[in-house]
């Protein structure tokens, strides 16, 4: 039997990197919200009248934007926390690291492309267009997506 190009160690490293990224994004969103609130609190009334209210309104909108980002990041972290990467999978499902002729994929949450141990990996959820097509596929399976043929070489 051919040794898969992916390892359990790589899968855990990818997962841990995803956790680190989303934790940093959460921390950044919290800091940005705090900074926006502090800026709003420092806004002083000026002789221009409306300038004070406009400045405070802008800071409030900025805080809301970061609050929305924070909620999205927390949802992603919750999705990741429900994944058990200690299991080895033989079909594509949340927590699987998938090697294909088109690249490496981690199924969990859509967080874009990451690089771990010199391996570029696209993170995706099963709700994404590619994730929906990949769901429940196994090594040896092939499928078409956006005019490309994907051949699954390994799932762990």
Protein backbone atom coordinates (compact mmCIF):
# COMPACT_ATOMS: atom_id res chain seq x y z
CA UNK A 1 0.00 0.00 0.00
CA UNK A 2 1.26 3.47 -0.91
CA UNK A 3 2.13 5.78 2.00
CA UNK A 4 -0.16 8.81 2.03
CA UNK A 5 1.49 12.18 1.40
CA UNK A 6 -0.23 13.54 4.49
CA UNK A 7 0.37 12.59 8.11
CA UNK A 8 -1.53 12.75 11.35
CA UNK A 9 1.14 15.14 12.63
CA UNK A 10 0.50 17.51 9.71
CA UNK A 11 -3.26 17.33 10.28
CA UNK A 12 -2.83 18.35 13.92
CA UNK A 13 -0.44 21.14 12.94
CA UNK A 14 -2.97 22.49 10.41
CA UNK A 15 -5.77 22.34 12.99
CA UNK A 16 -3.66 24.06 15.65
CA UNK A 17 -2.66 26.76 13.18
CA UNK A 18 -6.35 27.39 12.42
CA UNK A 19 -7.05 27.75 16.15
CA UNK A 20 -4.13 30.19 16.50
CA UNK A 21 -5.32 32.28 13.55
CA UNK A 22 -8.91 32.55 14.74
CA UNK A 23 -7.85 33.26 18.33
CA UNK A 24 -5.67 36.13 17.06
CA UNK A 25 -8.54 37.45 14.94
CA UNK A 26 -10.83 37.38 18.00
CA UNK A 27 -8.24 39.25 20.06
CA UNK A 28 -7.74 41.80 17.28
CA UNK A 29 -11.51 42.40 16.98
CA UNK A 30 -11.83 42.90 20.75
CA UNK A 31 -8.93 45.38 20.74
CA UNK A 32 -10.42 47.25 17.78
CA UNK A 33 -13.77 47.50 19.57
CA UNK A 34 -12.05 48.80 22.69
CA UNK A 35 -10.06 51.33 20.63
CA UNK A 36 -13.22 52.56 18.88
CA UNK A 37 -14.97 52.96 22.24
CA UNK A 38 -11.98 54.83 23.69
CA UNK A 39 -11.91 57.13 20.65
CA UNK A 40 -15.62 57.82 21.04
CA UNK A 41 -15.14 58.60 24.72
CA UNK A 42 -12.34 61.04 23.89
CA UNK A 43 -14.37 62.85 21.26
CA UNK A 44 -15.05 66.30 22.68
CA UNK A 45 -17.64 68.85 21.78
CA UNK A 46 -16.36 71.40 19.37
CA UNK A 47 -17.64 74.77 18.34
CA UNK A 48 -18.73 73.16 15.09
CA UNK A 49 -21.65 71.51 16.89
CA UNK A 50 -22.46 68.58 14.60
CA UNK A 51 -18.82 67.56 14.38
CA UNK A 52 -18.99 66.05 17.88
CA UNK A 53 -22.07 63.97 17.09
CA UNK A 54 -20.70 62.90 13.72
CA UNK A 55 -17.41 61.78 15.26
CA UNK A 56 -19.18 59.77 17.96
CA UNK A 57 -21.51 58.21 15.38
CA UNK A 58 -18.54 57.18 13.24
CA UNK A 59 -16.83 55.58 16.25
CA UNK A 60 -20.07 53.78 17.11
CA UNK A 61 -20.30 52.39 13.57
CA UNK A 62 -16.66 51.30 13.76
CA UNK A 63 -17.34 49.51 17.05
CA UNK A 64 -20.39 47.76 15.54
CA UNK A 65 -18.34 46.62 12.54
CA UNK A 66 -15.71 45.08 14.80
CA UNK A 67 -18.44 43.54 16.95
CA UNK A 68 -19.87 41.84 13.88
CA UNK A 69 -16.40 40.55 12.95
CA UNK A 70 -15.95 39.30 16.50
CA UNK A 71 -19.20 37.33 16.32
CA UNK A 72 -18.16 35.73 13.02
CA UNK A 73 -14.74 34.79 14.40
CA UNK A 74 -16.32 33.32 17.54
CA UNK A 75 -18.64 31.20 15.37
CA UNK A 76 -15.64 29.86 13.45
CA UNK A 77 -13.84 29.07 16.71
CA UNK A 78 -16.95 27.24 17.95
CA UNK A 79 -17.07 25.18 14.74
CA UNK A 80 -13.39 24.30 15.14
CA UNK A 81 -13.84 23.41 18.82
CA UNK A 82 -16.45 20.81 17.81
CA UNK A 83 -13.98 19.03 15.52
CA UNK A 84 -12.18 15.93 16.74
CA UNK A 85 -8.83 15.82 14.96
CA UNK A 86 -7.67 12.88 17.05
CA UNK A 87 -9.60 10.53 14.76
CA UNK A 88 -8.36 9.26 11.45
CA UNK A 89 -11.05 9.48 8.78
CA UNK A 90 -11.48 7.46 5.63
CA UNK A 91 -14.15 9.73 4.13
CA UNK A 92 -14.27 13.50 3.87
CA UNK A 93 -15.99 15.04 6.88
CA UNK A 94 -15.20 17.81 9.40
CA UNK A 95 -11.73 17.26 10.80
CA UNK A 96 -10.37 15.50 7.72
CA UNK A 97 -7.16 16.50 6.00
CA UNK A 98 -7.53 15.70 2.31
CA UNK A 99 -4.78 15.30 -0.26
CA UNK A 100 -5.80 15.64 -3.92
CA UNK A 101 -4.06 16.13 -7.23
CA UNK A 102 -5.26 19.76 -6.97
CA UNK A 103 -3.82 20.41 -3.51
CA UNK A 104 -4.25 19.90 0.21
CA UNK A 105 -7.52 20.70 2.01
CA UNK A 106 -8.53 20.84 5.67
CA UNK A 107 -12.25 20.40 6.26
CA UNK A 108 -13.47 22.42 9.20
CA UNK A 109 -14.10 26.11 8.71
CA UNK A 110 -13.54 28.36 5.73
CA UNK A 111 -10.49 30.38 6.71
CA UNK A 112 -8.72 30.64 3.39
CA UNK A 113 -5.30 29.39 2.47
CA UNK A 114 -2.69 28.69 5.15
CA UNK A 115 0.84 27.34 5.10
CA UNK A 116 1.96 24.79 7.68
CA UNK A 117 5.25 22.89 7.63
CA UNK A 118 5.91 24.13 4.08
CA UNK A 119 2.54 22.76 2.93
CA UNK A 120 -0.05 25.10 1.48
CA UNK A 121 -3.50 24.06 2.58
CA UNK A 122 -6.92 25.48 1.77
CA UNK A 123 -9.29 25.43 4.72
CA UNK A 124 -12.95 24.96 3.91
CA UNK A 125 -16.27 24.02 5.42
CA UNK A 126 -18.63 21.37 4.13
CA UNK A 127 -21.08 24.20 3.46
CA UNK A 128 -18.79 25.80 0.89
CA UNK A 129 -19.32 24.98 -2.79
CA UNK A 130 -16.22 22.75 -2.92
CA UNK A 131 -17.03 21.22 0.47
CA UNK A 132 -20.50 20.21 -0.71
CA UNK A 133 -18.99 18.37 -3.67
CA UNK A 134 -16.25 16.72 -1.57
CA UNK A 135 -18.54 15.53 1.24
CA UNK A 136 -18.30 11.78 1.95
CA UNK A 137 -15.78 11.15 -0.82
CA UNK A 138 -12.93 8.71 -0.11
CA UNK A 139 -9.41 8.04 -1.40
CA UNK A 140 -9.61 6.89 -5.00
CA UNK A 141 -12.73 8.94 -5.71
CA UNK A 142 -12.68 11.66 -8.34
CA UNK A 143 -15.03 14.56 -8.97
CA UNK A 144 -15.34 17.67 -11.12
CA UNK A 145 -15.40 21.19 -9.73
CA UNK A 146 -15.11 24.41 -11.75
CA UNK A 147 -13.77 22.65 -14.82
CA UNK A 148 -11.09 20.77 -12.85
CA UNK A 149 -10.90 17.09 -12.06
CA UNK A 150 -10.04 16.35 -8.45
CA UNK A 151 -8.62 12.93 -7.57
CA UNK A 152 -8.51 12.16 -3.87
CA UNK A 153 -5.24 10.46 -2.98
CA UNK A 154 -5.54 10.41 0.82
CA UNK A 155 -7.88 11.32 3.67
CA UNK A 156 -6.74 11.32 7.28
